[in-house]
């Protein structure tokens, strides 16, 4: 058989395709490395600085690699932050509040996505306002409300009868986070409700209609049909809620006055002021960087565990931007 010879035109076309493919792969590799370095370099800088001694920060020849590993930074940050106690309080207050929001926002979103009632449009406007209005605008009335907590005026009414002030002071208690989260108006609840609504609109109504025919009510339908079908949305809201509540320090610093009740975010914020005022710390910058690393390490471990399912869930619930 005769070997078919390629024409110069075919050869040049194939050559351009091969060269173009190689350049495209090189460009993609360069872009991924550049983006990856931009994202990871701050973390690498924190790790490097957390292992430097005070002398390394004053030595101009030391940039990334310290002359010796100075582990005392971690022990100093561990002691000043009261790390075990702060970590436990973070789990019991902000994180538990975030899990309350996962449930309450799901119930609220189900009512928006499936039921029609006269107040629905007004409630939807209020939901949007929860997202648009910054938290700092409502801090003062929220603080006063928790400082003189009165459920529908019943405490004042009973106080007038017994001649004693029966209003409750919820400041310095976990209820400043538990109550709004339980009723679906906690930190970032408006956005979580919208995420749920976006997902619930994609669930076929025929599933619920079949459950109604079998005699299931709204509560049973939600528990047995909607919840098992909403695993992707629940995972997305859970991760966002845990991360945002973990990082939230402004409200925690306002509602908790006792330093022994500070969660980890407030302890990290106070660490900076403590290090600045305490001149006995051998490596102030290294201690602060060690505290930052200890603060984000649990979140990094948490994200590494769930990141595969989280990335898949982003496409399912339609989060963009």
C-alpha atoms as a PDB file:
ATOM      1  CA  UNK A   1       0.000   0.000   0.000  1.00  0.00           C
ATOM      2  CA  UNK A   2       1.176   3.444  -0.803  1.00  0.00           C
ATOM      3  CA  UNK A   3       1.664   5.882   2.043  1.00  0.00           C
ATOM      4  CA  UNK A   4      -0.531   8.924   1.656  1.00  0.00           C
ATOM      5  CA  UNK A   5       1.556  12.077   1.818  1.00  0.00           C
ATOM      6  CA  UNK A   6       0.109  15.110   3.554  1.00  0.00           C
ATOM      7  CA  UNK A   7      -0.072  18.293   1.620  1.00  0.00           C
ATOM      8  CA  UNK A   8       1.845  21.341   2.937  1.00  0.00           C
ATOM      9  CA  UNK A   9      -1.489  22.975   3.759  1.00  0.00           C
ATOM     10  CA  UNK A  10      -2.625  20.028   5.894  1.00  0.00           C
ATOM     11  CA  UNK A  11       0.787  19.839   7.589  1.00  0.00           C
ATOM     12  CA  UNK A  12       0.781  23.553   8.435  1.00  0.00           C
ATOM     13  CA  UNK A  13      -2.764  23.302   9.813  1.00  0.00           C
ATOM     14  CA  UNK A  14      -1.886  20.338  12.041  1.00  0.00           C
ATOM     15  CA  UNK A  15       1.309  22.079  13.158  1.00  0.00           C
ATOM     16  CA  UNK A  16      -0.616  25.192  14.149  1.00  0.00           C
ATOM     17  CA  UNK A  17      -3.116  23.092  16.096  1.00  0.00           C
ATOM     18  CA  UNK A  18      -0.333  21.326  18.029  1.00  0.00           C
ATOM     19  CA  UNK A  19       1.480  24.595  18.776  1.00  0.00           C
ATOM     20  CA  UNK A  20      -1.779  26.281  19.764  1.00  0.00           C
ATOM     21  CA  UNK A  21      -2.650  23.391  22.096  1.00  0.00           C
ATOM     22  CA  UNK A  22       0.781  23.573  23.756  1.00  0.00           C
ATOM     23  CA  UNK A  23       0.561  27.340  24.238  1.00  0.00           C
ATOM     24  CA  UNK A  24      -2.978  27.021  25.603  1.00  0.00           C
ATOM     25  CA  UNK A  25      -1.869  24.431  28.163  1.00  0.00           C
ATOM     26  CA  UNK A  26       1.119  26.540  29.177  1.00  0.00           C
ATOM     27  CA  UNK A  27      -1.059  29.630  29.517  1.00  0.00           C
ATOM     28  CA  UNK A  28      -3.620  27.701  31.587  1.00  0.00           C
ATOM     29  CA  UNK A  29      -0.857  26.330  33.811  1.00  0.00           C
ATOM     30  CA  UNK A  30       0.632  29.792  34.262  1.00  0.00           C
ATOM     31  CA  UNK A  31      -2.795  31.252  35.085  1.00  0.00           C
ATOM     32  CA  UNK A  32      -3.576  28.521  37.629  1.00  0.00           C
ATOM     33  CA  UNK A  33      -0.171  28.916  39.286  1.00  0.00           C
ATOM     34  CA  UNK A  34      -0.543  32.712  39.424  1.00  0.00           C
ATOM     35  CA  UNK A  35      -4.064  32.554  40.885  1.00  0.00           C
ATOM     36  CA  UNK A  36      -3.079  29.778  43.277  1.00  0.00           C
ATOM     37  CA  UNK A  37      -0.063  31.715  44.507  1.00  0.00           C
ATOM     38  CA  UNK A  38      -2.154  34.850  44.972  1.00  0.00           C
ATOM     39  CA  UNK A  39      -4.616  32.918  47.119  1.00  0.00           C
ATOM     40  CA  UNK A  40      -2.151  30.763  49.049  1.00  0.00           C
ATOM     41  CA  UNK A  41       0.683  33.266  49.553  1.00  0.00           C
ATOM     42  CA  UNK A  42      -1.053  35.120  52.441  1.00  0.00           C
ATOM     43  CA  UNK A  43      -1.509  31.812  54.257  1.00  0.00           C
ATOM     44  CA  UNK A  44       2.123  30.873  53.618  1.00  0.00           C
ATOM     45  CA  UNK A  45       3.180  34.294  54.914  1.00  0.00           C
ATOM     46  CA  UNK A  46       1.157  33.768  58.096  1.00  0.00           C
ATOM     47  CA  UNK A  47       2.759  30.347  58.631  1.00  0.00           C
ATOM     48  CA  UNK A  48       6.228  31.784  58.043  1.00  0.00           C
ATOM     49  CA  UNK A  49       5.722  34.741  60.394  1.00  0.00           C
ATOM     50  CA  UNK A  50       4.194  32.562  63.096  1.00  0.00           C
ATOM     51  CA  UNK A  51       7.476  30.630  63.308  1.00  0.00           C
ATOM     52  CA  UNK A  52       9.784  33.668  63.450  1.00  0.00           C
ATOM     53  CA  UNK A  53      11.428  35.025  66.557  1.00  0.00           C
ATOM     54  CA  UNK A  54      11.603  38.717  67.393  1.00  0.00           C
ATOM     55  CA  UNK A  55      15.136  38.898  66.007  1.00  0.00           C
ATOM     56  CA  UNK A  56      13.996  37.488  62.646  1.00  0.00           C
ATOM     57  CA  UNK A  57      11.580  40.384  62.136  1.00  0.00           C
ATOM     58  CA  UNK A  58      14.379  42.916  62.626  1.00  0.00           C
ATOM     59  CA  UNK A  59      16.808  41.013  60.394  1.00  0.00           C
ATOM     60  CA  UNK A  60      16.490  42.257  56.804  1.00  0.00           C
ATOM     61  CA  UNK A  61      18.117  39.087  55.466  1.00  0.00           C
ATOM     62  CA  UNK A  62      15.238  36.916  56.748  1.00  0.00           C
ATOM     63  CA  UNK A  63      12.252  36.925  54.412  1.00  0.00           C
ATOM     64  CA  UNK A  64      10.318  33.664  54.177  1.00  0.00           C
ATOM     65  CA  UNK A  65      12.405  31.058  55.993  1.00  0.00           C
ATOM     66  CA  UNK A  66      13.131  31.827  59.682  1.00  0.00           C
ATOM     67  CA  UNK A  67      16.596  31.178  61.096  1.00  0.00           C
ATOM     68  CA  UNK A  68      15.046  28.738  63.584  1.00  0.00           C
ATOM     69  CA  UNK A  69      11.514  27.544  64.349  1.00  0.00           C
ATOM     70  CA  UNK A  70      10.240  29.659  67.244  1.00  0.00           C
ATOM     71  CA  UNK A  71       7.341  27.604  68.679  1.00  0.00           C
ATOM     72  CA  UNK A  72       6.892  29.904  71.682  1.00  0.00           C
ATOM     73  CA  UNK A  73       4.653  32.099  69.515  1.00  0.00           C
ATOM     74  CA  UNK A  74       1.992  29.396  69.580  1.00  0.00           C
ATOM     75  CA  UNK A  75       2.269  28.851  73.324  1.00  0.00           C
ATOM     76  CA  UNK A  76       1.967  32.606  73.955  1.00  0.00           C
ATOM     77  CA  UNK A  77      -1.070  32.924  71.655  1.00  0.00           C
ATOM     78  CA  UNK A  78      -2.607  29.786  73.181  1.00  0.00           C
ATOM     79  CA  UNK A  79      -2.268  31.282  76.656  1.00  0.00           C
ATOM     80  CA  UNK A  80      -3.376  34.836  75.850  1.00  0.00           C
ATOM     81  CA  UNK A  81      -6.413  33.755  73.839  1.00  0.00           C
ATOM     82  CA  UNK A  82      -7.423  31.099  76.397  1.00  0.00           C
ATOM     83  CA  UNK A  83      -7.779  28.940  73.324  1.00  0.00           C
ATOM     84  CA  UNK A  84      -9.562  25.809  74.689  1.00  0.00           C
ATOM     85  CA  UNK A  85     -12.219  27.844  76.502  1.00  0.00           C
ATOM     86  CA  UNK A  86     -12.722  30.231  73.570  1.00  0.00           C
ATOM     87  CA  UNK A  87     -12.978  27.324  71.129  1.00  0.00           C
ATOM     88  CA  UNK A  88     -15.572  25.590  73.311  1.00  0.00           C
ATOM     89  CA  UNK A  89     -17.639  28.791  73.595  1.00  0.00           C
ATOM     90  CA  UNK A  90     -17.467  29.200  69.815  1.00  0.00           C
ATOM     91  CA  UNK A  91     -18.894  25.714  69.385  1.00  0.00           C
ATOM     92  CA  UNK A  92     -21.650  26.280  71.942  1.00  0.00           C
ATOM     93  CA  UNK A  93     -22.794  29.779  70.915  1.00  0.00           C
ATOM     94  CA  UNK A  94     -22.029  30.966  67.346  1.00  0.00           C
ATOM     95  CA  UNK A  95     -21.819  27.524  65.730  1.00  0.00           C
ATOM     96  CA  UNK A  96     -24.903  26.183  67.505  1.00  0.00           C
ATOM     97  CA  UNK A  97     -26.758  29.372  66.514  1.00  0.00           C
ATOM     98  CA  UNK A  98     -25.731  28.775  62.919  1.00  0.00           C
ATOM     99  CA  UNK A  99     -27.179  25.262  63.044  1.00  0.00           C
ATOM    100  CA  UNK A 100     -30.433  26.685  64.431  1.00  0.00           C
ATOM    101  CA  UNK A 101     -30.558  28.960  61.389  1.00  0.00           C
ATOM    102  CA  UNK A 102     -30.188  26.022  59.030  1.00  0.00           C
ATOM    103  CA  UNK A 103     -33.480  24.629  60.328  1.00  0.00           C
ATOM    104  CA  UNK A 104     -35.463  27.840  60.860  1.00  0.00           C
ATOM    105  CA  UNK A 105     -34.504  29.334  57.488  1.00  0.00           C
ATOM    106  CA  UNK A 106     -35.505  26.103  55.753  1.00  0.00           C
ATOM    107  CA  UNK A 107     -38.967  26.257  57.311  1.00  0.00           C
ATOM    108  CA  UNK A 108     -39.351  29.934  56.356  1.00  0.00           C
ATOM    109  CA  UNK A 109     -38.212  29.272  52.789  1.00  0.00           C
ATOM    110  CA  UNK A 110     -40.707  26.418  52.420  1.00  0.00           C
ATOM    111  CA  UNK A 111     -43.568  28.794  53.239  1.00  0.00           C
ATOM    112  CA  UNK A 112     -42.314  31.308  50.647  1.00  0.00           C
ATOM    113  CA  UNK A 113     -41.762  28.696  47.932  1.00  0.00           C
ATOM    114  CA  UNK A 114     -44.956  26.665  48.289  1.00  0.00           C
ATOM    115  CA  UNK A 115     -47.740  28.608  50.041  1.00  0.00           C
ATOM    116  CA  UNK A 116     -49.687  31.696  49.032  1.00  0.00           C
ATOM    117  CA  UNK A 117     -51.149  33.932  51.728  1.00  0.00           C
ATOM    118  CA  UNK A 118     -52.118  37.642  51.858  1.00  0.00           C
ATOM    119  CA  UNK A 119     -49.024  38.748  53.789  1.00  0.00           C
ATOM    120  CA  UNK A 120     -46.601  36.873  51.543  1.00  0.00           C
ATOM    121  CA  UNK A 121     -45.495  39.887  49.468  1.00  0.00           C
ATOM    122  CA  UNK A 122     -44.986  42.032  52.559  1.00  0.00           C
ATOM    123  CA  UNK A 123     -42.977  39.277  54.212  1.00  0.00           C
ATOM    124  CA  UNK A 124     -40.857  38.948  51.072  1.00  0.00           C
ATOM    125  CA  UNK A 125     -40.091  42.688  51.162  1.00  0.00           C
ATOM    126  CA  UNK A 126     -39.027  42.357  54.795  1.00  0.00           C
ATOM    127  CA  UNK A 127     -36.843  39.419  53.786  1.00  0.00           C
ATOM    128  CA  UNK A 128     -35.045  41.554  51.202  1.00  0.00           C
ATOM    129  CA  UNK A 129     -34.604  44.319  53.781  1.00  0.00           C
ATOM    130  CA  UNK A 130     -32.903  41.816  56.082  1.00  0.00           C
ATOM    131  CA  UNK A 131     -30.230  41.450  53.408  1.00  0.00           C
ATOM    132  CA  UNK A 132     -29.957  45.102  52.383  1.00  0.00           C
ATOM    133  CA  UNK A 133     -29.947  46.741  55.827  1.00  0.00           C
ATOM    134  CA  UNK A 134     -26.503  46.462  57.487  1.00  0.00           C
ATOM    135  CA  UNK A 135     -26.331  44.847  60.903  1.00  0.00           C
ATOM    136  CA  UNK A 136     -24.709  47.926  62.434  1.00  0.00           C
ATOM    137  CA  UNK A 137     -27.857  50.001  61.806  1.00  0.00           C
ATOM    138  CA  UNK A 138     -29.925  47.726  64.053  1.00  0.00           C
ATOM    139  CA  UNK A 139     -27.286  47.289  66.778  1.00  0.00           C
ATOM    140  CA  UNK A 140     -28.642  49.926  69.167  1.00  0.00           C
ATOM    141  CA  UNK A 141     -32.301  48.776  69.180  1.00  0.00           C
ATOM    142  CA  UNK A 142     -31.155  45.141  69.343  1.00  0.00           C
ATOM    143  CA  UNK A 143     -28.945  45.835  72.335  1.00  0.00           C
ATOM    144  CA  UNK A 144     -31.730  47.706  74.146  1.00  0.00           C
ATOM    145  CA  UNK A 145     -34.155  44.917  73.334  1.00  0.00           C
ATOM    146  CA  UNK A 146     -31.883  42.274  74.847  1.00  0.00           C
ATOM    147  CA  UNK A 147     -30.914  44.448  77.814  1.00  0.00           C
ATOM    148  CA  UNK A 148     -34.574  44.976  78.759  1.00  0.00           C
ATOM    149  CA  UNK A 149     -36.094  41.876  77.233  1.00  0.00           C
ATOM    150  CA  UNK A 150     -39.856  41.794  77.510  1.00  0.00           C
ATOM    151  CA  UNK A 151     -41.900  39.198  75.663  1.00  0.00           C
ATOM    152  CA  UNK A 152     -44.876  41.086  74.166  1.00  0.00           C
ATOM    153  CA  UNK A 153     -44.944  43.416  77.190  1.00  0.00           C
ATOM    154  CA  UNK A 154     -45.952  40.633  79.589  1.00  0.00           C
ATOM    155  CA  UNK A 155     -43.000  41.246  81.923  1.00  0.00           C
ATOM    156  CA  UNK A 156     -43.879  44.917  82.391  1.00  0.00           C
ATOM    157  CA  UNK A 157     -47.540  44.043  82.915  1.00  0.00           C
ATOM    158  CA  UNK A 158     -46.739  41.465  85.565  1.00  0.00           C
ATOM    159  CA  UNK A 159     -44.157  43.842  87.055  1.00  0.00           C
ATOM    160  CA  UNK A 160     -46.817  46.462  87.622  1.00  0.00           C
ATOM    161  CA  UNK A 161     -48.978  43.884  89.382  1.00  0.00           C
ATOM    162  CA  UNK A 162     -46.260  42.636  91.733  1.00  0.00           C
ATOM    163  CA  UNK A 163     -44.521  46.009  92.019  1.00  0.00           C
ATOM    164  CA  UNK A 164     -41.175  44.767  90.692  1.00  0.00           C
ATOM    165  CA  UNK A 165     -39.274  45.051  87.440  1.00  0.00           C
ATOM    166  CA  UNK A 166     -39.491  41.645  85.760  1.00  0.00           C
ATOM    167  CA  UNK A 167     -37.734  42.479  82.486  1.00  0.00           C
ATOM    168  CA  UNK A 168     -34.842  40.164  81.689  1.00  0.00           C
ATOM    169  CA  UNK A 169     -31.247  41.098  80.917  1.00  0.00           C
ATOM    170  CA  UNK A 170     -30.037  38.766  78.155  1.00  0.00           C
ATOM    171  CA  UNK A 171     -26.708  40.552  77.628  1.00  0.00           C
ATOM    172  CA  UNK A 172     -23.779  38.254  78.370  1.00  0.00           C
ATOM    173  CA  UNK A 173     -25.941  35.196  77.682  1.00  0.00           C
ATOM    174  CA  UNK A 174     -26.089  32.896  74.639  1.00  0.00           C
ATOM    175  CA  UNK A 175     -29.756  33.813  74.105  1.00  0.00           C
ATOM    176  CA  UNK A 176     -28.707  36.958  72.234  1.00  0.00           C
ATOM    177  CA  UNK A 177     -27.698  34.563  69.451  1.00  0.00           C
ATOM    178  CA  UNK A 178     -30.055  31.643  70.081  1.00  0.00           C
ATOM    179  CA  UNK A 179     -33.341  33.574  69.944  1.00  0.00           C
ATOM    180  CA  UNK A 180     -32.918  35.318  66.546  1.00  0.00           C
ATOM    181  CA  UNK A 181     -31.460  32.167  64.998  1.00  0.00           C
ATOM    182  CA  UNK A 182     -34.310  30.038  66.331  1.00  0.00           C
ATOM    183  CA  UNK A 183     -36.893  32.379  64.783  1.00  0.00           C
ATOM    184  CA  UNK A 184     -35.050  32.721  61.453  1.00  0.00           C
ATOM    185  CA  UNK A 185     -33.916  36.343  61.832  1.00  0.00           C
ATOM    186  CA  UNK A 186     -30.326  35.734  62.901  1.00  0.00           C
ATOM    187  CA  UNK A 187     -27.029  36.596  61.274  1.00  0.00           C
ATOM    188  CA  UNK A 188     -27.339  36.397  57.438  1.00  0.00           C
ATOM    189  CA  UNK A 189     -30.702  34.610  57.733  1.00  0.00           C
ATOM    190  CA  UNK A 190     -32.178  36.531  54.804  1.00  0.00           C
ATOM    191  CA  UNK A 191     -29.566  35.197  52.402  1.00  0.00           C
ATOM    192  CA  UNK A 192     -29.996  31.643  53.688  1.00  0.00           C
ATOM    193  CA  UNK A 193     -33.747  31.829  53.108  1.00  0.00           C
ATOM    194  CA  UNK A 194     -33.178  32.976  49.515  1.00  0.00           C
ATOM    195  CA  UNK A 195     -30.774  30.077  48.917  1.00  0.00           C
ATOM    196  CA  UNK A 196     -33.399  27.648  50.161  1.00  0.00           C
ATOM    197  CA  UNK A 197     -36.113  29.271  48.038  1.00  0.00           C
ATOM    198  CA  UNK A 198     -33.938  29.019  44.925  1.00  0.00           C
ATOM    199  CA  UNK A 199     -33.489  25.294  45.520  1.00  0.00           C
ATOM    200  CA  UNK A 200     -37.056  24.480  46.586  1.00  0.00           C
ATOM    201  CA  UNK A 201     -38.444  25.957  43.384  1.00  0.00           C
ATOM    202  CA  UNK A 202     -36.666  23.150  41.510  1.00  0.00           C
ATOM    203  CA  UNK A 203     -38.321  20.343  43.487  1.00  0.00           C
ATOM    204  CA  UNK A 204     -41.338  18.950  41.569  1.00  0.00           C
ATOM    205  CA  UNK A 205     -44.641  19.768  43.233  1.00  0.00           C
ATOM    206  CA  UNK A 206     -45.913  16.327  42.211  1.00  0.00           C
ATOM    207  CA  UNK A 207     -43.914  14.806  45.067  1.00  0.00           C
ATOM    208  CA  UNK A 208     -45.785  16.919  47.603  1.00  0.00           C
ATOM    209  CA  UNK A 209     -49.140  16.349  45.911  1.00  0.00           C
ATOM    210  CA  UNK A 210     -48.593  12.591  46.137  1.00  0.00           C
ATOM    211  CA  UNK A 211     -47.840  12.956  49.847  1.00  0.00           C
ATOM    212  CA  UNK A 212     -51.002  15.054  50.333  1.00  0.00           C
ATOM    213  CA  UNK A 213     -53.085  12.380  48.604  1.00  0.00           C
ATOM    214  CA  UNK A 214     -51.666   9.823  51.058  1.00  0.00           C
ATOM    215  CA  UNK A 215     -52.868  12.014  53.930  1.00  0.00           C
ATOM    216  CA  UNK A 216     -49.672  13.850  54.850  1.00  0.00           C
ATOM    217  CA  UNK A 217     -50.017  17.390  56.162  1.00  0.00           C
ATOM    218  CA  UNK A 218     -47.606  20.292  55.559  1.00  0.00           C
ATOM    219  CA  UNK A 219     -45.380  19.380  58.517  1.00  0.00           C
ATOM    220  CA  UNK A 220     -45.113  15.715  57.559  1.00  0.00           C
ATOM    221  CA  UNK A 221     -44.583  16.616  53.902  1.00  0.00           C
ATOM    222  CA  UNK A 222     -41.768  18.992  54.824  1.00  0.00           C
ATOM    223  CA  UNK A 223     -40.101  16.456  57.120  1.00  0.00           C
ATOM    224  CA  UNK A 224     -40.413  13.400  54.881  1.00  0.00           C
ATOM    225  CA  UNK A 225     -40.323  14.851  51.350  1.00  0.00           C
ATOM    226  CA  UNK A 226     -38.640  18.268  51.319  1.00  0.00           C
ATOM    227  CA  UNK A 227     -35.873  17.714  53.854  1.00  0.00           C
ATOM    228  CA  UNK A 228     -34.547  14.439  52.322  1.00  0.00           C
ATOM    229  CA  UNK A 229     -34.634  16.074  48.874  1.00  0.00           C
ATOM    230  CA  UNK A 230     -32.804  19.221  50.005  1.00  0.00           C
ATOM    231  CA  UNK A 231     -29.505  17.735  51.123  1.00  0.00           C
ATOM    232  CA  UNK A 232     -27.527  19.921  48.713  1.00  0.00           C
ATOM    233  CA  UNK A 233     -29.136  23.164  49.907  1.00  0.00           C
ATOM    234  CA  UNK A 234     -28.827  22.141  53.555  1.00  0.00           C
ATOM    235  CA  UNK A 235     -25.116  21.425  53.073  1.00  0.00           C
ATOM    236  CA  UNK A 236     -24.548  24.790  51.378  1.00  0.00           C
ATOM    237  CA  UNK A 237     -26.387  26.767  54.046  1.00  0.00           C
ATOM    238  CA  UNK A 238     -24.690  24.800  56.828  1.00  0.00           C
ATOM    239  CA  UNK A 239     -21.200  25.536  55.531  1.00  0.00           C
ATOM    240  CA  UNK A 240     -21.889  29.232  54.946  1.00  0.00           C
ATOM    241  CA  UNK A 241     -23.594  29.571  58.321  1.00  0.00           C
ATOM    242  CA  UNK A 242     -20.752  27.859  60.199  1.00  0.00           C
ATOM    243  CA  UNK A 243     -18.068  29.934  58.484  1.00  0.00           C
ATOM    244  CA  UNK A 244     -19.850  33.282  58.904  1.00  0.00           C
ATOM    245  CA  UNK A 245     -20.724  32.625  62.533  1.00  0.00           C
ATOM    246  CA  UNK A 246     -17.169  31.488  63.192  1.00  0.00           C
ATOM    247  CA  UNK A 247     -15.748  34.729  61.779  1.00  0.00           C
ATOM    248  CA  UNK A 248     -18.357  37.042  63.353  1.00  0.00           C
ATOM    249  CA  UNK A 249     -16.846  39.085  66.153  1.00  0.00           C
ATOM    250  CA  UNK A 250     -18.705  42.406  66.050  1.00  0.00           C
ATOM    251  CA  UNK A 251     -21.961  41.176  67.577  1.00  0.00           C
ATOM    252  CA  UNK A 252     -20.129  38.864  69.968  1.00  0.00           C
ATOM    253  CA  UNK A 253     -17.987  41.726  71.220  1.00  0.00           C
ATOM    254  CA  UNK A 254     -21.137  43.810  71.769  1.00  0.00           C
ATOM    255  CA  UNK A 255     -23.301  41.223  73.501  1.00  0.00           C
ATOM    256  CA  UNK A 256     -20.589  39.566  75.627  1.00  0.00           C
ATOM    257  CA  UNK A 257     -18.988  41.870  78.176  1.00  0.00           C
ATOM    258  CA  UNK A 258     -17.302  39.220  80.301  1.00  0.00           C
ATOM    259  CA  UNK A 259     -13.865  38.266  78.847  1.00  0.00           C
ATOM    260  CA  UNK A 260     -14.399  34.717  80.121  1.00  0.00           C
ATOM    261  CA  UNK A 261     -17.349  34.357  77.708  1.00  0.00           C
ATOM    262  CA  UNK A 262     -15.630  35.574  74.543  1.00  0.00           C
ATOM    263  CA  UNK A 263     -15.799  33.244  71.534  1.00  0.00           C
ATOM    264  CA  UNK A 264     -12.707  32.615  69.443  1.00  0.00           C
ATOM    265  CA  UNK A 265     -13.282  35.516  67.009  1.00  0.00           C
ATOM    266  CA  UNK A 266     -13.414  38.077  69.835  1.00  0.00           C
ATOM    267  CA  UNK A 267     -10.441  36.442  71.568  1.00  0.00           C
ATOM    268  CA  UNK A 268      -8.477  36.806  68.330  1.00  0.00           C
ATOM    269  CA  UNK A 269      -9.487  40.452  68.045  1.00  0.00           C
ATOM    270  CA  UNK A 270      -8.485  41.118  71.650  1.00  0.00           C
ATOM    271  CA  UNK A 271      -5.163  39.347  71.117  1.00  0.00           C
ATOM    272  CA  UNK A 272      -3.911  42.234  68.971  1.00  0.00           C
ATOM    273  CA  UNK A 273      -4.566  44.790  71.716  1.00  0.00           C
ATOM    274  CA  UNK A 274      -3.140  42.471  74.372  1.00  0.00           C
ATOM    275  CA  UNK A 275       0.099  41.943  72.472  1.00  0.00           C
ATOM    276  CA  UNK A 276       0.471  45.693  71.819  1.00  0.00           C
ATOM    277  CA  UNK A 277       0.083  46.495  75.517  1.00  0.00           C
ATOM    278  CA  UNK A 278       2.143  43.578  76.809  1.00  0.00           C
ATOM    279  CA  UNK A 279       5.814  44.380  76.239  1.00  0.00           C
ATOM    280  CA  UNK A 280       6.944  41.065  77.720  1.00  0.00           C
ATOM    281  CA  UNK A 281       6.039  39.164  74.547  1.00  0.00           C
ATOM    282  CA  UNK A 282       9.346  38.276  72.795  1.00  0.00           C
ATOM    283  CA  UNK A 283       7.818  38.209  69.286  1.00  0.00           C
ATOM    284  CA  UNK A 284       4.627  40.326  69.094  1.00  0.00           C
ATOM    285  CA  UNK A 285       4.041  39.941  65.358  1.00  0.00           C
ATOM    286  CA  UNK A 286       4.836  36.230  65.491  1.00  0.00           C
ATOM    287  CA  UNK A 287       2.371  35.756  68.356  1.00  0.00           C
ATOM    288  CA  UNK A 288      -0.400  37.513  66.415  1.00  0.00           C
ATOM    289  CA  UNK A 289       0.318  35.421  63.319  1.00  0.00           C
ATOM    290  CA  UNK A 290       0.280  32.255  65.419  1.00  0.00           C
ATOM    291  CA  UNK A 291      -3.095  33.326  66.814  1.00  0.00           C
ATOM    292  CA  UNK A 292      -4.420  33.890  63.276  1.00  0.00           C
ATOM    293  CA  UNK A 293      -3.245  30.450  62.226  1.00  0.00           C
ATOM    294  CA  UNK A 294      -4.844  28.820  65.268  1.00  0.00           C
ATOM    295  CA  UNK A 295      -8.065  30.703  64.510  1.00  0.00           C
ATOM    296  CA  UNK A 296      -8.396  29.577  60.882  1.00  0.00           C
ATOM    297  CA  UNK A 297      -7.008  26.036  61.306  1.00  0.00           C
ATOM    298  CA  UNK A 298     -10.334  24.426  62.417  1.00  0.00           C
ATOM    299  CA  UNK A 299     -12.106  26.064  59.468  1.00  0.00           C
ATOM    300  CA  UNK A 300      -9.457  24.798  57.046  1.00  0.00           C
ATOM    301  CA  UNK A 301      -9.863  21.257  58.343  1.00  0.00           C
ATOM    302  CA  UNK A 302     -13.638  21.582  58.163  1.00  0.00           C
ATOM    303  CA  UNK A 303     -13.549  22.877  54.594  1.00  0.00           C
ATOM    304  CA  UNK A 304     -11.121  20.180  53.427  1.00  0.00           C
ATOM    305  CA  UNK A 305     -13.563  17.561  54.678  1.00  0.00           C
ATOM    306  CA  UNK A 306     -16.657  18.975  52.953  1.00  0.00           C
ATOM    307  CA  UNK A 307     -15.180  20.898  50.004  1.00  0.00           C
ATOM    308  CA  UNK A 308     -15.955  18.239  47.378  1.00  0.00           C
ATOM    309  CA  UNK A 309     -19.659  18.130  48.195  1.00  0.00           C
ATOM    310  CA  UNK A 310     -19.747  21.906  48.705  1.00  0.00           C
ATOM    311  CA  UNK A 311     -18.389  22.635  45.217  1.00  0.00           C
ATOM    312  CA  UNK A 312     -21.031  20.325  43.744  1.00  0.00           C
ATOM    313  CA  UNK A 313     -23.755  22.035  45.747  1.00  0.00           C
ATOM    314  CA  UNK A 314     -22.841  25.484  44.438  1.00  0.00           C
ATOM    315  CA  UNK A 315     -23.988  24.481  40.958  1.00  0.00           C
ATOM    316  CA  UNK A 316     -27.211  22.923  42.245  1.00  0.00           C
ATOM    317  CA  UNK A 317     -28.503  25.854  44.308  1.00  0.00           C
ATOM    318  CA  UNK A 318     -27.532  28.531  41.767  1.00  0.00           C
ATOM    319  CA  UNK A 319     -25.147  30.656  43.857  1.00  0.00           C
ATOM    320  CA  UNK A 320     -23.246  33.104  41.671  1.00  0.00           C
ATOM    321  CA  UNK A 321     -20.950  36.031  42.356  1.00  0.00           C
END
